[in-house]
Amino acid sequence: MFLETERAAQMSAHVCYTRCVSQECNGMTKVVEAGMRYTRITVNPAQMGGVPCIRGLRIPVATVVAMVAEGMAEDEILAAYPDLEREDIREALHFAAEAVRERELPLVNAG
């Protein structure tokens, strides 16, 4: 498994997620999930509060995922953020899916 211990993660000052390690690349931390390297997702503690962003840009993964959730088409997202590429959107969605995959989420009974 690619799981760093909590102490090691704190000592290295990297932001890690469930089942991942981080790798330094050009001063930024690239996120590596179990078996998949996210080449377009970076984490930099000195930028955007250390939240996962797209390719070192100041565009958080959460922003891209929220735009998709709101029903925006890829072309609309790319028009709103010209620095993004189609593959950025896909990788942001894969990253978000993996981030919640193995967590317990509270279920709310309908009505």
PDB file of N, CA and C in Angstrom:
ATOM      1  N   MET A   1       0.843  -1.185   0.000  1.00  0.00           N
ATOM      2  CA  MET A   1       0.000   0.000   0.000  1.00  0.00           C
ATOM      3  C   MET A   1       0.878   1.234   0.000  1.00  0.00           C
ATOM      4  N   PHE A   2       0.344   2.331  -0.472  1.00  0.00           N
ATOM      5  CA  PHE A   2       1.058   3.588  -0.545  1.00  0.00           C
ATOM      6  C   PHE A   2       0.654   4.509   0.603  1.00  0.00           C
ATOM      7  N   LEU A   3       0.600   4.001   1.802  1.00  0.00           N
ATOM      8  CA  LEU A   3       0.103   4.791   2.917  1.00  0.00           C
ATOM      9  C   LEU A   3       1.261   5.270   3.774  1.00  0.00           C
ATOM     10  N   GLU A   4       1.435   6.593   3.860  1.00  0.00           N
ATOM     11  CA  GLU A   4       2.439   7.152   4.758  1.00  0.00           C
ATOM     12  C   GLU A   4       1.871   7.172   6.161  1.00  0.00           C
ATOM     13  N   THR A   5       2.724   7.044   7.135  1.00  0.00           N
ATOM     14  CA  THR A   5       2.250   7.175   8.501  1.00  0.00           C
ATOM     15  C   THR A   5       1.927   8.629   8.764  1.00  0.00           C
ATOM     16  N   GLU A   6       1.060   8.859   9.724  1.00  0.00           N
ATOM     17  CA  GLU A   6       0.676  10.224  10.052  1.00  0.00           C
ATOM     18  C   GLU A   6       1.883  11.047  10.472  1.00  0.00           C
ATOM     19  N   ARG A   7       2.761  10.447  11.269  1.00  0.00           N
ATOM     20  CA  ARG A   7       3.950  11.156  11.727  1.00  0.00           C
ATOM     21  C   ARG A   7       4.853  11.532  10.555  1.00  0.00           C
ATOM     22  N   ALA A   8       5.051  10.617   9.638  1.00  0.00           N
ATOM     23  CA  ALA A   8       5.905  10.898   8.481  1.00  0.00           C
ATOM     24  C   ALA A   8       5.295  12.009   7.635  1.00  0.00           C
ATOM     25  N   ALA A   9       3.983  11.987   7.497  1.00  0.00           N
ATOM     26  CA  ALA A   9       3.317  13.030   6.719  1.00  0.00           C
ATOM     27  C   ALA A   9       3.491  14.383   7.386  1.00  0.00           C
ATOM     28  N   GLN A  10       3.382  14.429   8.714  1.00  0.00           N
ATOM     29  CA  GLN A  10       3.570  15.691   9.420  1.00  0.00           C
ATOM     30  C   GLN A  10       5.006  16.175   9.298  1.00  0.00           C
ATOM     31  N   MET A  11       5.960  15.249   9.427  1.00  0.00           N
ATOM     32  CA  MET A  11       7.363  15.620   9.372  1.00  0.00           C
ATOM     33  C   MET A  11       7.759  16.131   7.991  1.00  0.00           C
ATOM     34  N   SER A  12       7.166  15.585   6.953  1.00  0.00           N
ATOM     35  CA  SER A  12       7.528  16.000   5.607  1.00  0.00           C
ATOM     36  C   SER A  12       6.746  17.237   5.165  1.00  0.00           C
ATOM     37  N   ALA A  13       5.755  17.642   5.938  1.00  0.00           N
ATOM     38  CA  ALA A  13       4.934  18.820   5.652  1.00  0.00           C
ATOM     39  C   ALA A  13       4.212  18.711   4.318  1.00  0.00           C
ATOM     40  N   HIS A  14       3.945  17.494   3.880  1.00  0.00           N
ATOM     41  CA  HIS A  14       3.179  17.283   2.657  1.00  0.00           C
ATOM     42  C   HIS A  14       1.728  17.066   3.017  1.00  0.00           C
ATOM     43  N   VAL A  15       0.850  17.459   2.124  1.00  0.00           N
ATOM     44  CA  VAL A  15      -0.560  17.182   2.308  1.00  0.00           C
ATOM     45  C   VAL A  15      -0.828  15.834   1.659  1.00  0.00           C
ATOM     46  N   CYS A  16      -1.320  14.883   2.427  1.00  0.00           N
ATOM     47  CA  CYS A  16      -1.595  13.555   1.895  1.00  0.00           C
ATOM     48  C   CYS A  16      -3.058  13.199   2.107  1.00  0.00           C
ATOM     49  N   TYR A  17      -3.554  12.355   1.272  1.00  0.00           N
ATOM     50  CA  TYR A  17      -4.924  11.898   1.340  1.00  0.00           C
ATOM     51  C   TYR A  17      -4.923  10.405   1.612  1.00  0.00           C
ATOM     52  N   THR A  18      -6.075   9.856   1.850  1.00  0.00           N
ATOM     53  CA  THR A  18      -6.200   8.434   2.103  1.00  0.00           C
ATOM     54  C   THR A  18      -5.518   7.651   0.985  1.00  0.00           C
ATOM     55  N   ARG A  19      -4.676   6.682   1.400  1.00  0.00           N
ATOM     56  CA  ARG A  19      -3.994   5.799   0.465  1.00  0.00           C
ATOM     57  C   ARG A  19      -3.128   6.539  -0.544  1.00  0.00           C
ATOM     58  N   CYS A  20      -2.379   7.558  -0.108  1.00  0.00           N
ATOM     59  CA  CYS A  20      -1.516   8.240  -1.055  1.00  0.00           C
ATOM     60  C   CYS A  20      -0.196   8.642  -0.429  1.00  0.00           C
ATOM     61  N   VAL A  21       0.741   8.934  -1.281  1.00  0.00           N
ATOM     62  CA  VAL A  21       1.973   9.585  -0.875  1.00  0.00           C
ATOM     63  C   VAL A  21       2.135  10.783  -1.796  1.00  0.00           C
ATOM     64  N   SER A  22       3.045  11.654  -1.458  1.00  0.00           N
ATOM     65  CA  SER A  22       3.269  12.812  -2.303  1.00  0.00           C
ATOM     66  C   SER A  22       4.703  12.825  -2.778  1.00  0.00           C
ATOM     67  N   GLN A  23       4.920  13.398  -3.938  1.00  0.00           N
ATOM     68  CA  GLN A  23       6.250  13.476  -4.518  1.00  0.00           C
ATOM     69  C   GLN A  23       6.562  14.912  -4.875  1.00  0.00           C
ATOM     70  N   GLU A  24       7.779  15.345  -4.551  1.00  0.00           N
ATOM     71  CA  GLU A  24       8.203  16.693  -4.891  1.00  0.00           C
ATOM     72  C   GLU A  24       8.548  16.756  -6.372  1.00  0.00           C
ATOM     73  N   CYS A  25       8.141  17.828  -7.014  1.00  0.00           N
ATOM     74  CA  CYS A  25       8.435  18.046  -8.421  1.00  0.00           C
ATOM     75  C   CYS A  25       8.420  19.545  -8.673  1.00  0.00           C
ATOM     76  N   ASN A  26       9.545  20.124  -8.958  1.00  0.00           N
ATOM     77  CA  ASN A  26       9.641  21.557  -9.232  1.00  0.00           C
ATOM     78  C   ASN A  26       9.052  22.411  -8.121  1.00  0.00           C
ATOM     79  N   GLY A  27       9.310  22.041  -6.874  1.00  0.00           N
ATOM     80  CA  GLY A  27       8.843  22.841  -5.746  1.00  0.00           C
ATOM     81  C   GLY A  27       7.409  22.611  -5.348  1.00  0.00           C
ATOM     82  N   MET A  28       6.675  21.814  -6.109  1.00  0.00           N
ATOM     83  CA  MET A  28       5.295  21.514  -5.778  1.00  0.00           C
ATOM     84  C   MET A  28       5.180  20.043  -5.444  1.00  0.00           C
ATOM     85  N   THR A  29       4.126  19.695  -4.761  1.00  0.00           N
ATOM     86  CA  THR A  29       3.898  18.311  -4.407  1.00  0.00           C
ATOM     87  C   THR A  29       2.863  17.736  -5.357  1.00  0.00           C
ATOM     88  N   LYS A  30       3.239  16.670  -6.065  1.00  0.00           N
ATOM     89  CA  LYS A  30       2.276  15.972  -6.911  1.00  0.00           C
ATOM     90  C   LYS A  30       1.669  14.859  -6.090  1.00  0.00           C
ATOM     91  N   VAL A  31       0.405  14.624  -6.263  1.00  0.00           N
ATOM     92  CA  VAL A  31      -0.309  13.637  -5.476  1.00  0.00           C
ATOM     93  C   VAL A  31      -0.292  12.299  -6.194  1.00  0.00           C
ATOM     94  N   VAL A  32      -0.001  11.246  -5.438  1.00  0.00           N
ATOM     95  CA  VAL A  32       0.028   9.889  -5.980  1.00  0.00           C
ATOM     96  C   VAL A  32      -0.956   9.050  -5.180  1.00  0.00           C
ATOM     97  N   GLU A  33      -2.011   8.585  -5.800  1.00  0.00           N
ATOM     98  CA  GLU A  33      -2.975   7.704  -5.150  1.00  0.00           C
ATOM     99  C   GLU A  33      -2.553   6.269  -5.426  1.00  0.00           C
ATOM    100  N   ALA A  34      -3.111   5.359  -4.687  1.00  0.00           N
ATOM    101  CA  ALA A  34      -2.765   3.937  -4.829  1.00  0.00           C
ATOM    102  C   ALA A  34      -2.846   3.520  -6.294  1.00  0.00           C
ATOM    103  N   GLY A  35      -1.685   3.305  -6.899  1.00  0.00           N
ATOM    104  CA  GLY A  35      -1.643   2.818  -8.257  1.00  0.00           C
ATOM    105  C   GLY A  35      -1.842   3.861  -9.341  1.00  0.00           C
ATOM    106  N   MET A  36      -2.161   5.113  -9.006  1.00  0.00           N
ATOM    107  CA  MET A  36      -2.388   6.124 -10.035  1.00  0.00           C
ATOM    108  C   MET A  36      -1.645   7.397  -9.683  1.00  0.00           C
ATOM    109  N   ARG A  37      -0.885   7.889 -10.588  1.00  0.00           N
ATOM    110  CA  ARG A  37      -0.178   9.145 -10.380  1.00  0.00           C
ATOM    111  C   ARG A  37      -0.994  10.251 -11.032  1.00  0.00           C
ATOM    112  N   TYR A  38      -1.343  11.229 -10.251  1.00  0.00           N
ATOM    113  CA  TYR A  38      -2.083  12.373 -10.759  1.00  0.00           C
ATOM    114  C   TYR A  38      -1.069  13.393 -11.254  1.00  0.00           C
ATOM    115  N   THR A  39      -0.878  13.443 -12.546  1.00  0.00           N
ATOM    116  CA  THR A  39       0.138  14.323 -13.118  1.00  0.00           C
ATOM    117  C   THR A  39      -0.338  15.768 -13.226  1.00  0.00           C
ATOM    118  N   ARG A  40      -1.621  16.000 -13.067  1.00  0.00           N
ATOM    119  CA  ARG A  40      -2.162  17.347 -13.210  1.00  0.00           C
ATOM    120  C   ARG A  40      -2.646  17.948 -11.893  1.00  0.00           C
ATOM    121  N   ILE A  41      -2.572  17.181 -10.812  1.00  0.00           N
ATOM    122  CA  ILE A  41      -3.012  17.663  -9.508  1.00  0.00           C
ATOM    123  C   ILE A  41      -1.765  17.959  -8.675  1.00  0.00           C
ATOM    124  N   THR A  42      -1.675  19.190  -8.175  1.00  0.00           N
ATOM    125  CA  THR A  42      -0.528  19.574  -7.353  1.00  0.00           C
ATOM    126  C   THR A  42      -1.015  20.162  -6.035  1.00  0.00           C
ATOM    127  N   VAL A  43      -0.169  20.033  -5.029  1.00  0.00           N
ATOM    128  CA  VAL A  43      -0.445  20.605  -3.713  1.00  0.00           C
ATOM    129  C   VAL A  43       0.791  21.388  -3.306  1.00  0.00           C
ATOM    130  N   ASN A  44       0.595  22.660  -3.026  1.00  0.00           N
ATOM    131  CA  ASN A  44       1.692  23.519  -2.602  1.00  0.00           C
ATOM    132  C   ASN A  44       1.232  24.258  -1.349  1.00  0.00           C
ATOM    133  N   PRO A  45       1.831  23.960  -0.196  1.00  0.00           N
ATOM    134  CA  PRO A  45       1.403  24.609   1.045  1.00  0.00           C
ATOM    135  C   PRO A  45       1.465  26.135   0.986  1.00  0.00           C
ATOM    136  N   ALA A  46       2.293  26.684   0.110  1.00  0.00           N
ATOM    137  CA  ALA A  46       2.427  28.139  -0.001  1.00  0.00           C
ATOM    138  C   ALA A  46       1.437  28.747  -0.995  1.00  0.00           C
ATOM    139  N   GLN A  47       0.617  27.928  -1.627  1.00  0.00           N
ATOM    140  CA  GLN A  47      -0.335  28.428  -2.620  1.00  0.00           C
ATOM    141  C   GLN A  47      -1.738  27.935  -2.306  1.00  0.00           C
ATOM    142  N   MET A  48      -2.689  28.810  -2.277  1.00  0.00           N
ATOM    143  CA  MET A  48      -4.100  28.472  -2.074  1.00  0.00           C
ATOM    144  C   MET A  48      -4.327  27.679  -0.788  1.00  0.00           C
ATOM    145  N   GLY A  49      -3.522  27.937   0.226  1.00  0.00           N
ATOM    146  CA  GLY A  49      -3.696  27.252   1.499  1.00  0.00           C
ATOM    147  C   GLY A  49      -3.394  25.766   1.442  1.00  0.00           C
ATOM    148  N   GLY A  50      -2.700  25.332   0.397  1.00  0.00           N
ATOM    149  CA  GLY A  50      -2.334  23.924   0.290  1.00  0.00           C
ATOM    150  C   GLY A  50      -3.420  23.020  -0.252  1.00  0.00           C
ATOM    151  N   VAL A  51      -4.498  23.591  -0.785  1.00  0.00           N
ATOM    152  CA  VAL A  51      -5.555  22.741  -1.345  1.00  0.00           C
ATOM    153  C   VAL A  51      -5.097  22.192  -2.697  1.00  0.00           C
ATOM    154  N   PRO A  52      -5.580  21.021  -3.085  1.00  0.00           N
ATOM    155  CA  PRO A  52      -5.211  20.464  -4.387  1.00  0.00           C
ATOM    156  C   PRO A  52      -5.655  21.385  -5.523  1.00  0.00           C
ATOM    157  N   CYS A  53      -4.716  21.687  -6.409  1.00  0.00           N
ATOM    158  CA  CYS A  53      -4.988  22.570  -7.546  1.00  0.00           C
ATOM    159  C   CYS A  53      -4.620  21.868  -8.844  1.00  0.00           C
ATOM    160  N   ILE A  54      -4.994  22.490  -9.932  1.00  0.00           N
ATOM    161  CA  ILE A  54      -4.695  21.961 -11.254  1.00  0.00           C
ATOM    162  C   ILE A  54      -3.350  22.511 -11.724  1.00  0.00           C
ATOM    163  N   ARG A  55      -2.391  21.625 -11.971  1.00  0.00           N
ATOM    164  CA  ARG A  55      -1.088  21.935 -12.564  1.00  0.00           C
ATOM    165  C   ARG A  55      -0.389  23.160 -11.985  1.00  0.00           C
ATOM    166  N   GLY A  56      -0.508  23.371 -10.695  1.00  0.00           N
ATOM    167  CA  GLY A  56       0.175  24.504 -10.077  1.00  0.00           C
ATOM    168  C   GLY A  56      -0.511  25.835 -10.325  1.00  0.00           C
ATOM    169  N   LEU A  57      -1.616  25.820 -11.054  1.00  0.00           N
ATOM    170  CA  LEU A  57      -2.393  27.040 -11.275  1.00  0.00           C
ATOM    171  C   LEU A  57      -3.195  27.326 -10.012  1.00  0.00           C
ATOM    172  N   ARG A  58      -3.685  28.495  -9.881  1.00  0.00           N
ATOM    173  CA  ARG A  58      -4.518  28.832  -8.726  1.00  0.00           C
ATOM    174  C   ARG A  58      -5.984  28.487  -9.015  1.00  0.00           C
ATOM    175  N   ILE A  59      -6.169  27.284  -9.510  1.00  0.00           N
ATOM    176  CA  ILE A  59      -7.506  26.764  -9.802  1.00  0.00           C
ATOM    177  C   ILE A  59      -7.667  25.490  -8.992  1.00  0.00           C
ATOM    178  N   PRO A  60      -8.408  25.559  -7.867  1.00  0.00           N
ATOM    179  CA  PRO A  60      -8.580  24.364  -7.031  1.00  0.00           C
ATOM    180  C   PRO A  60      -9.382  23.271  -7.738  1.00  0.00           C
ATOM    181  N   VAL A  61      -9.036  22.045  -7.438  1.00  0.00           N
ATOM    182  CA  VAL A  61      -9.781  20.893  -7.955  1.00  0.00           C
ATOM    183  C   VAL A  61     -11.255  21.046  -7.593  1.00  0.00           C
ATOM    184  N   ALA A  62     -11.534  21.491  -6.366  1.00  0.00           N
ATOM    185  CA  ALA A  62     -12.916  21.634  -5.898  1.00  0.00           C
ATOM    186  C   ALA A  62     -13.711  22.596  -6.777  1.00  0.00           C
ATOM    187  N   THR A  63     -13.080  23.629  -7.284  1.00  0.00           N
ATOM    188  CA  THR A  63     -13.770  24.584  -8.159  1.00  0.00           C
ATOM    189  C   THR A  63     -14.203  23.909  -9.452  1.00  0.00           C
ATOM    190  N   VAL A  64     -13.303  23.130 -10.035  1.00  0.00           N
ATOM    191  CA  VAL A  64     -13.620  22.441 -11.289  1.00  0.00           C
ATOM    192  C   VAL A  64     -14.722  21.407 -11.059  1.00  0.00           C
ATOM    193  N   VAL A  65     -14.619  20.647  -9.988  1.00  0.00           N
ATOM    194  CA  VAL A  65     -15.629  19.631  -9.686  1.00  0.00           C
ATOM    195  C   VAL A  65     -16.990  20.289  -9.439  1.00  0.00           C
ATOM    196  N   ALA A  66     -17.004  21.405  -8.741  1.00  0.00           N
ATOM    197  CA  ALA A  66     -18.262  22.111  -8.481  1.00  0.00           C
ATOM    198  C   ALA A  66     -18.897  22.606  -9.778  1.00  0.00           C
ATOM    199  N   MET A  67     -18.091  23.059 -10.708  1.00  0.00           N
ATOM    200  CA  MET A  67     -18.629  23.526 -11.991  1.00  0.00           C
ATOM    201  C   MET A  67     -19.296  22.376 -12.744  1.00  0.00           C
ATOM    202  N   VAL A  68     -18.667  21.216 -12.710  1.00  0.00           N
ATOM    203  CA  VAL A  68     -19.272  20.029 -13.350  1.00  0.00           C
ATOM    204  C   VAL A  68     -20.576  19.681 -12.636  1.00  0.00           C
ATOM    205  N   ALA A  69     -20.560  19.726 -11.303  1.00  0.00           N
ATOM    206  CA  ALA A  69     -21.757  19.397 -10.519  1.00  0.00           C
ATOM    207  C   ALA A  69     -22.910  20.357 -10.807  1.00  0.00           C
ATOM    208  N   GLU A  70     -22.578  21.591 -11.136  1.00  0.00           N
ATOM    209  CA  GLU A  70     -23.609  22.581 -11.458  1.00  0.00           C
ATOM    210  C   GLU A  70     -24.169  22.411 -12.865  1.00  0.00           C
ATOM    211  N   GLY A  71     -23.590  21.463 -13.611  1.00  0.00           N
ATOM    212  CA  GLY A  71     -24.105  21.183 -14.945  1.00  0.00           C
ATOM    213  C   GLY A  71     -23.387  21.900 -16.068  1.00  0.00           C
ATOM    214  N   MET A  72     -22.267  22.538 -15.771  1.00  0.00           N
ATOM    215  CA  MET A  72     -21.530  23.229 -16.824  1.00  0.00           C
ATOM    216  C   MET A  72     -20.883  22.209 -17.761  1.00  0.00           C
ATOM    217  N   ALA A  73     -20.924  22.484 -19.031  1.00  0.00           N
ATOM    218  CA  ALA A  73     -20.280  21.633 -20.031  1.00  0.00           C
ATOM    219  C   ALA A  73     -18.781  21.907 -20.019  1.00  0.00           C
ATOM    220  N   GLU A  74     -18.003  20.941 -20.513  1.00  0.00           N
ATOM    221  CA  GLU A  74     -16.552  21.119 -20.565  1.00  0.00           C
ATOM    222  C   GLU A  74     -16.176  22.406 -21.283  1.00  0.00           C
ATOM    223  N   ASP A  75     -16.836  22.690 -22.407  1.00  0.00           N
ATOM    224  CA  ASP A  75     -16.515  23.895 -23.175  1.00  0.00           C
ATOM    225  C   ASP A  75     -16.763  25.170 -22.359  1.00  0.00           C
ATOM    226  N   GLU A  76     -17.809  25.174 -21.536  1.00  0.00           N
ATOM    227  CA  GLU A  76     -18.090  26.331 -20.682  1.00  0.00           C
ATOM    228  C   GLU A  76     -17.002  26.504 -19.624  1.00  0.00           C
ATOM    229  N   ILE A  77     -16.569  25.400 -19.039  1.00  0.00           N
ATOM    230  CA  ILE A  77     -15.517  25.450 -18.025  1.00  0.00           C
ATOM    231  C   ILE A  77     -14.218  25.943 -18.650  1.00  0.00           C
ATOM    232  N   LEU A  78     -13.901  25.431 -19.829  1.00  0.00           N
ATOM    233  CA  LEU A  78     -12.675  25.844 -20.513  1.00  0.00           C
ATOM    234  C   LEU A  78     -12.731  27.317 -20.922  1.00  0.00           C
ATOM    235  N   ALA A  79     -13.910  27.809 -21.251  1.00  0.00           N
ATOM    236  CA  ALA A  79     -14.057  29.231 -21.580  1.00  0.00           C
ATOM    237  C   ALA A  79     -13.882  30.101 -20.329  1.00  0.00           C
ATOM    238  N   ALA A  80     -14.374  29.604 -19.194  1.00  0.00           N
ATOM    239  CA  ALA A  80     -14.253  30.358 -17.938  1.00  0.00           C
ATOM    240  C   ALA A  80     -12.813  30.362 -17.424  1.00  0.00           C
ATOM    241  N   TYR A  81     -12.089  29.289 -17.686  1.00  0.00           N
ATOM    242  CA  TYR A  81     -10.694  29.145 -17.250  1.00  0.00           C
ATOM    243  C   TYR A  81      -9.848  28.727 -18.461  1.00  0.00           C
ATOM    244  N   PRO A  82      -9.426  29.679 -19.277  1.00  0.00           N
ATOM    245  CA  PRO A  82      -8.691  29.356 -20.515  1.00  0.00           C
ATOM    246  C   PRO A  82      -7.389  28.579 -20.307  1.00  0.00           C
ATOM    247  N   ASP A  83      -6.809  28.634 -19.108  1.00  0.00           N
ATOM    248  CA  ASP A  83      -5.577  27.880 -18.849  1.00  0.00           C
ATOM    249  C   ASP A  83      -5.824  26.386 -18.655  1.00  0.00           C
ATOM    250  N   LEU A  84      -7.080  26.010 -18.445  1.00  0.00           N
ATOM    251  CA  LEU A  84      -7.404  24.592 -18.257  1.00  0.00           C
ATOM    252  C   LEU A  84      -7.426  23.855 -19.588  1.00  0.00           C
ATOM    253  N   GLU A  85      -7.207  22.546 -19.495  1.00  0.00           N
ATOM    254  CA  GLU A  85      -7.321  21.655 -20.648  1.00  0.00           C
ATOM    255  C   GLU A  85      -8.356  20.584 -20.316  1.00  0.00           C
ATOM    256  N   ARG A  86      -8.901  19.955 -21.320  1.00  0.00           N
ATOM    257  CA  ARG A  86      -9.931  18.934 -21.099  1.00  0.00           C
ATOM    258  C   ARG A  86      -9.452  17.850 -20.130  1.00  0.00           C
ATOM    259  N   GLU A  87      -8.224  17.417 -20.260  1.00  0.00           N
ATOM    260  CA  GLU A  87      -7.699  16.368 -19.384  1.00  0.00           C
ATOM    261  C   GLU A  87      -7.639  16.827 -17.927  1.00  0.00           C
ATOM    262  N   ASP A  88      -7.492  18.141 -17.700  1.00  0.00           N
ATOM    263  CA  ASP A  88      -7.517  18.674 -16.331  1.00  0.00           C
ATOM    264  C   ASP A  88      -8.864  18.388 -15.669  1.00  0.00           C
ATOM    265  N   ILE A  89      -9.929  18.572 -16.423  1.00  0.00           N
ATOM    266  CA  ILE A  89     -11.275  18.350 -15.893  1.00  0.00           C
ATOM    267  C   ILE A  89     -11.463  16.874 -15.545  1.00  0.00           C
ATOM    268  N   ARG A  90     -11.050  16.005 -16.449  1.00  0.00           N
ATOM    269  CA  ARG A  90     -11.190  14.567 -16.195  1.00  0.00           C
ATOM    270  C   ARG A  90     -10.380  14.126 -14.979  1.00  0.00           C
ATOM    271  N   GLU A  91      -9.154  14.613 -14.878  1.00  0.00           N
ATOM    272  CA  GLU A  91      -8.324  14.204 -13.748  1.00  0.00           C
ATOM    273  C   GLU A  91      -8.861  14.768 -12.432  1.00  0.00           C
ATOM    274  N   ALA A  92      -9.426  15.967 -12.463  1.00  0.00           N
ATOM    275  CA  ALA A  92     -10.039  16.536 -11.257  1.00  0.00           C
ATOM    276  C   ALA A  92     -11.193  15.659 -10.780  1.00  0.00           C
ATOM    277  N   LEU A  93     -11.989  15.152 -11.712  1.00  0.00           N
ATOM    278  CA  LEU A  93     -13.103  14.272 -11.351  1.00  0.00           C
ATOM    279  C   LEU A  93     -12.609  12.937 -10.807  1.00  0.00           C
ATOM    280  N   HIS A  94     -11.578  12.377 -11.408  1.00  0.00           N
ATOM    281  CA  HIS A  94     -10.994  11.131 -10.894  1.00  0.00           C
ATOM    282  C   HIS A  94     -10.441  11.341  -9.489  1.00  0.00           C
ATOM    283  N   PHE A  95      -9.765  12.438  -9.283  1.00  0.00           N
ATOM    284  CA  PHE A  95      -9.185  12.749  -7.976  1.00  0.00           C
ATOM    285  C   PHE A  95     -10.280  12.887  -6.919  1.00  0.00           C
ATOM    286  N   ALA A  96     -11.343  13.602  -7.257  1.00  0.00           N
ATOM    287  CA  ALA A  96     -12.450  13.788  -6.314  1.00  0.00           C
ATOM    288  C   ALA A  96     -13.126  12.464  -5.991  1.00  0.00           C
ATOM    289  N   ALA A  97     -13.309  11.621  -6.994  1.00  0.00           N
ATOM    290  CA  ALA A  97     -13.926  10.315  -6.763  1.00  0.00           C
ATOM    291  C   ALA A  97     -13.072   9.478  -5.824  1.00  0.00           C
ATOM    292  N   GLU A  98     -11.771   9.496  -6.016  1.00  0.00           N
ATOM    293  CA  GLU A  98     -10.878   8.719  -5.167  1.00  0.00           C
ATOM    294  C   GLU A  98     -10.838   9.288  -3.751  1.00  0.00           C
ATOM    295  N   ALA A  99     -10.941  10.600  -3.631  1.00  0.00           N
ATOM    296  CA  ALA A  99     -10.872  11.243  -2.322  1.00  0.00           C
ATOM    297  C   ALA A  99     -12.016  10.814  -1.404  1.00  0.00           C
ATOM    298  N   VAL A 100     -13.156  10.473  -1.972  1.00  0.00           N
ATOM    299  CA  VAL A 100     -14.302  10.071  -1.141  1.00  0.00           C
ATOM    300  C   VAL A 100     -14.583   8.573  -1.194  1.00  0.00           C
ATOM    301  N   ARG A 101     -13.819   7.857  -1.972  1.00  0.00           N
ATOM    302  CA  ARG A 101     -14.085   6.439  -2.185  1.00  0.00           C
ATOM    303  C   ARG A 101     -14.113   5.621  -0.905  1.00  0.00           C
ATOM    304  N   GLU A 102     -13.146   5.757  -0.019  1.00  0.00           N
ATOM    305  CA  GLU A 102     -13.020   4.878   1.124  1.00  0.00           C
ATOM    306  C   GLU A 102     -13.363   5.560   2.443  1.00  0.00           C
ATOM    307  N   ARG A 103     -14.204   6.515   2.418  1.00  0.00           N
ATOM    308  CA  ARG A 103     -14.587   7.221   3.642  1.00  0.00           C
ATOM    309  C   ARG A 103     -16.027   6.920   3.980  1.00  0.00           C
ATOM    310  N   GLU A 104     -16.321   6.971   5.265  1.00  0.00           N
ATOM    311  CA  GLU A 104     -17.711   6.818   5.674  1.00  0.00           C
ATOM    312  C   GLU A 104     -18.398   8.168   5.555  1.00  0.00           C
ATOM    313  N   LEU A 105     -19.476   8.200   4.847  1.00  0.00           N
ATOM    314  CA  LEU A 105     -20.245   9.416   4.689  1.00  0.00           C
ATOM    315  C   LEU A 105     -21.581   9.233   5.402  1.00  0.00           C
ATOM    316  N   PRO A 106     -22.042  10.263   6.107  1.00  0.00           N
ATOM    317  CA  PRO A 106     -23.317  10.124   6.810  1.00  0.00           C
ATOM    318  C   PRO A 106     -24.473  10.049   5.801  1.00  0.00           C
ATOM    319  N   LEU A 107     -25.365   9.117   6.020  1.00  0.00           N
ATOM    320  CA  LEU A 107     -26.533   8.992   5.164  1.00  0.00           C
ATOM    321  C   LEU A 107     -27.717   9.648   5.853  1.00  0.00           C
ATOM    322  N   VAL A 108     -28.492  10.357   5.087  1.00  0.00           N
ATOM    323  CA  VAL A 108     -29.664  11.042   5.608  1.00  0.00           C
ATOM    324  C   VAL A 108     -30.890  10.359   5.042  1.00  0.00           C
ATOM    325  N   ASN A 109     -31.801   9.943   5.910  1.00  0.00           N
ATOM    326  CA  ASN A 109     -33.034   9.314   5.457  1.00  0.00           C
ATOM    327  C   ASN A 109     -33.926  10.348   4.795  1.00  0.00           C
ATOM    328  N   ALA A 110     -34.487   9.987   3.655  1.00  0.00           N
ATOM    329  CA  ALA A 110     -35.389  10.889   2.952  1.00  0.00           C
ATOM    330  C   ALA A 110     -36.722  10.949   3.689  1.00  0.00           C
ATOM    331  N   GLY A 111     -37.175  12.166   3.880  1.00  0.00           N
ATOM    332  CA  GLY A 111     -38.462  12.499   4.442  1.00  0.00           C
ATOM    333  C   GLY A 111     -38.968  11.702   5.499  1.00  0.00           C
TER     334      GLY A 111
END
